Every structure is written in structure tokens, then in C-alpha cells.
């Protein structure tokens, strides 16, 4: 089965300005590279929980986070780095609806972040797609 058209990835403690930060970002002004597997969810709500540190993966839960909306649509110029593996069939956590995106993929930002204020924190939504 091909990857869904959109996957969501939540990171706790990440703000609106992600360009040039950490191991995850920094190839340029309008794109970034992820050197590890990216865990993506088919569920936006699940990614929001991860971004707010509510899923037990954050060492120190913070009240800010980033949600990446990864547009996985494949056109004729999308590189093979957009490949993803369906993990739903072996996951101990079926609610995550998890797909793993292969490492070393480059992604480009489609727009600046949109801010969402929630009762438990602030989310910065970043729309991106595999770098063409």
C-alpha cells in the first residue's frame, strides 16, 4: 500500500523557528534534512499529543511543540527519499497509525508556521513535502 497523502510528525519543545536547529534541520532557508527515521502518523490529533509531550517520549515535557504536516503526494519529480513503511500491522500502539519515513530525506517548507494555542500549550504547524 502506498503511503497516505499526508503524514503528521510531532516534536515537543520545538518552536516556530525550526530552520537551522538541532540534528533535524538546517540544510537551508526553505528546506531541512532529517538524518534519522521519521515517525509519522496518519492522525493529526496523535501528532499534536506528541508535540505537546503527552505521549511519554519527551524527557522534559514542554508546553510548546511543532507539528509537521508532511505532504507525501508523489509526483514525477519526487525523489525516492519520500519512501515510507507502514508500521500499523506490527505496532503495539494502533492509535498512532504509524508510518516510518526513510532517513536522509530532504523536505521543503510550503509556508511559514501557523500557530495554534491550545489549553495545554502552543503548537506551531509546519507544512512541508519531500524536497524536489
Protein backbone atom coordinates (compact mmCIF):
# COMPACT_ATOMS: atom_id res chain seq x y z
CA UNK A 1 0.00 0.00 0.00
CA UNK A 2 1.46 3.43 -0.86
CA UNK A 3 1.92 6.00 1.90
CA UNK A 4 -1.08 8.21 2.64
CA UNK A 5 -1.20 11.63 1.03
CA UNK A 6 -0.28 13.28 4.33
CA UNK A 7 1.57 12.20 7.46
CA UNK A 8 2.00 14.18 10.68
CA UNK A 9 5.07 14.32 12.91
CA UNK A 10 5.06 15.98 16.35
CA UNK A 11 8.13 17.24 18.23
CA UNK A 12 7.94 18.54 21.78
CA UNK A 13 9.93 21.62 22.79
CA UNK A 14 10.29 22.91 19.23
CA UNK A 15 9.04 26.40 18.44
CA UNK A 16 8.09 28.21 15.26
CA UNK A 17 11.64 28.90 14.09
CA UNK A 18 12.99 25.45 13.22
CA UNK A 19 15.39 26.47 10.48
CA UNK A 20 18.99 25.66 11.27
CA UNK A 21 18.35 23.93 14.62
CA UNK A 22 19.48 20.60 16.01
CA UNK A 23 20.10 17.33 14.23
CA UNK A 24 16.80 17.59 12.44
CA UNK A 25 17.11 20.82 10.50
CA UNK A 26 19.44 23.11 8.72
CA UNK A 27 20.10 22.48 5.04
CA UNK A 28 18.83 25.87 4.00
CA UNK A 29 16.32 28.61 4.34
CA UNK A 30 13.35 26.85 2.79
CA UNK A 31 14.16 23.19 3.38
CA UNK A 32 15.54 20.82 6.01
CA UNK A 33 17.01 17.35 6.23
CA UNK A 34 16.21 14.67 8.76
CA UNK A 35 19.09 12.24 9.32
CA UNK A 36 17.02 9.68 11.23
CA UNK A 37 13.88 7.70 10.65
CA UNK A 38 10.85 9.95 10.94
CA UNK A 39 7.86 8.50 12.72
CA UNK A 40 4.78 9.86 11.01
CA UNK A 41 1.17 9.35 11.98
CA UNK A 42 -1.93 9.34 9.83
CA UNK A 43 -3.61 11.11 12.78
CA UNK A 44 -3.16 14.85 13.25
CA UNK A 45 -4.50 14.55 16.80
CA UNK A 46 -1.87 11.93 17.67
CA UNK A 47 0.92 14.17 16.33
CA UNK A 48 -0.42 17.05 18.45
CA UNK A 49 -0.18 14.86 21.56
CA UNK A 50 3.47 14.05 20.75
CA UNK A 51 4.19 17.73 20.04
CA UNK A 52 2.83 18.68 23.45
CA UNK A 53 4.91 15.97 25.15
CA UNK A 54 1.88 13.99 26.28
CA UNK A 55 2.92 10.59 24.92
CA UNK A 56 5.83 9.84 27.26
CA UNK A 57 8.62 10.34 24.73
CA UNK A 58 9.77 13.81 25.90
CA UNK A 59 12.48 13.80 28.58
CA UNK A 60 11.14 17.07 29.96
CA UNK A 61 7.66 17.93 28.77
CA UNK A 62 7.40 21.48 27.46
CA UNK A 63 4.30 23.49 26.57
CA UNK A 64 5.44 24.24 23.00
CA UNK A 65 5.80 21.91 20.09
CA UNK A 66 5.90 21.60 16.34
CA UNK A 67 3.63 19.54 14.12
CA UNK A 68 4.95 18.81 10.65
CA UNK A 69 2.27 18.22 8.03
CA UNK A 70 4.24 16.14 5.53
CA UNK A 71 2.59 16.08 2.11
CA UNK A 72 3.59 12.69 0.72
CA UNK A 73 1.95 13.07 -2.68
CA UNK A 74 4.19 11.58 -5.29
CA UNK A 75 4.73 13.44 -8.50
CA UNK A 76 7.15 12.59 -11.28
CA UNK A 77 9.93 14.64 -9.65
CA UNK A 78 9.65 13.44 -6.04
CA UNK A 79 12.82 11.63 -5.01
CA UNK A 80 12.88 8.12 -3.63
CA UNK A 81 13.66 9.60 -0.20
CA UNK A 82 9.91 10.11 0.21
CA UNK A 83 9.52 6.36 0.77
CA UNK A 84 7.71 5.26 3.91
CA UNK A 85 6.98 1.93 5.56
CA UNK A 86 3.61 1.05 7.04
CA UNK A 87 4.11 0.11 10.70
CA UNK A 88 0.44 -0.23 11.64
CA UNK A 89 0.45 -4.00 11.29
CA UNK A 90 3.18 -4.53 13.92
CA UNK A 91 2.63 -1.55 16.21
CA UNK A 92 1.84 -2.09 19.89
CA UNK A 93 0.07 1.27 19.69
CA UNK A 94 -2.52 1.04 16.87
CA UNK A 95 -3.91 4.51 17.66
CA UNK A 96 -0.65 6.02 16.41
CA UNK A 97 -1.34 4.79 12.84
CA UNK A 98 2.42 4.92 12.37
CA UNK A 99 4.46 5.05 9.17
CA UNK A 100 8.26 5.36 9.16
CA UNK A 101 9.78 7.72 6.61
CA UNK A 102 13.27 6.73 5.47
CA UNK A 103 16.19 8.79 6.83
CA UNK A 104 18.31 11.34 4.99
CA UNK A 105 15.33 12.76 3.16
CA UNK A 106 15.18 16.45 2.37
CA UNK A 107 11.93 18.33 2.90
CA UNK A 108 10.90 21.79 1.82
CA UNK A 109 8.66 24.16 3.73
CA UNK A 110 5.50 25.11 1.86
CA UNK A 111 4.68 28.13 4.05
CA UNK A 112 5.58 29.77 7.33
CA UNK A 113 4.31 28.17 10.52
CA UNK A 114 0.73 28.56 11.64
CA UNK A 115 0.25 28.97 15.38
CA UNK A 116 -2.39 27.09 17.36
CA UNK A 117 -3.00 27.97 21.01
CA UNK A 118 -4.41 25.04 22.97
CA UNK A 119 -5.40 24.73 26.65
CA UNK A 120 -2.16 22.80 27.30
CA UNK A 121 0.32 24.73 25.13
CA UNK A 122 1.27 26.31 21.84
CA UNK A 123 1.67 24.37 18.61
CA UNK A 124 3.49 25.53 15.50
CA UNK A 125 2.20 23.80 12.37
CA UNK A 126 4.72 23.47 9.52
CA UNK A 127 3.57 22.30 6.12
CA UNK A 128 6.26 20.56 4.12
CA UNK A 129 6.84 17.98 1.38
CA UNK A 130 9.75 15.91 0.12
CA UNK A 131 12.29 18.24 -1.48
CA UNK A 132 12.08 18.09 -5.26
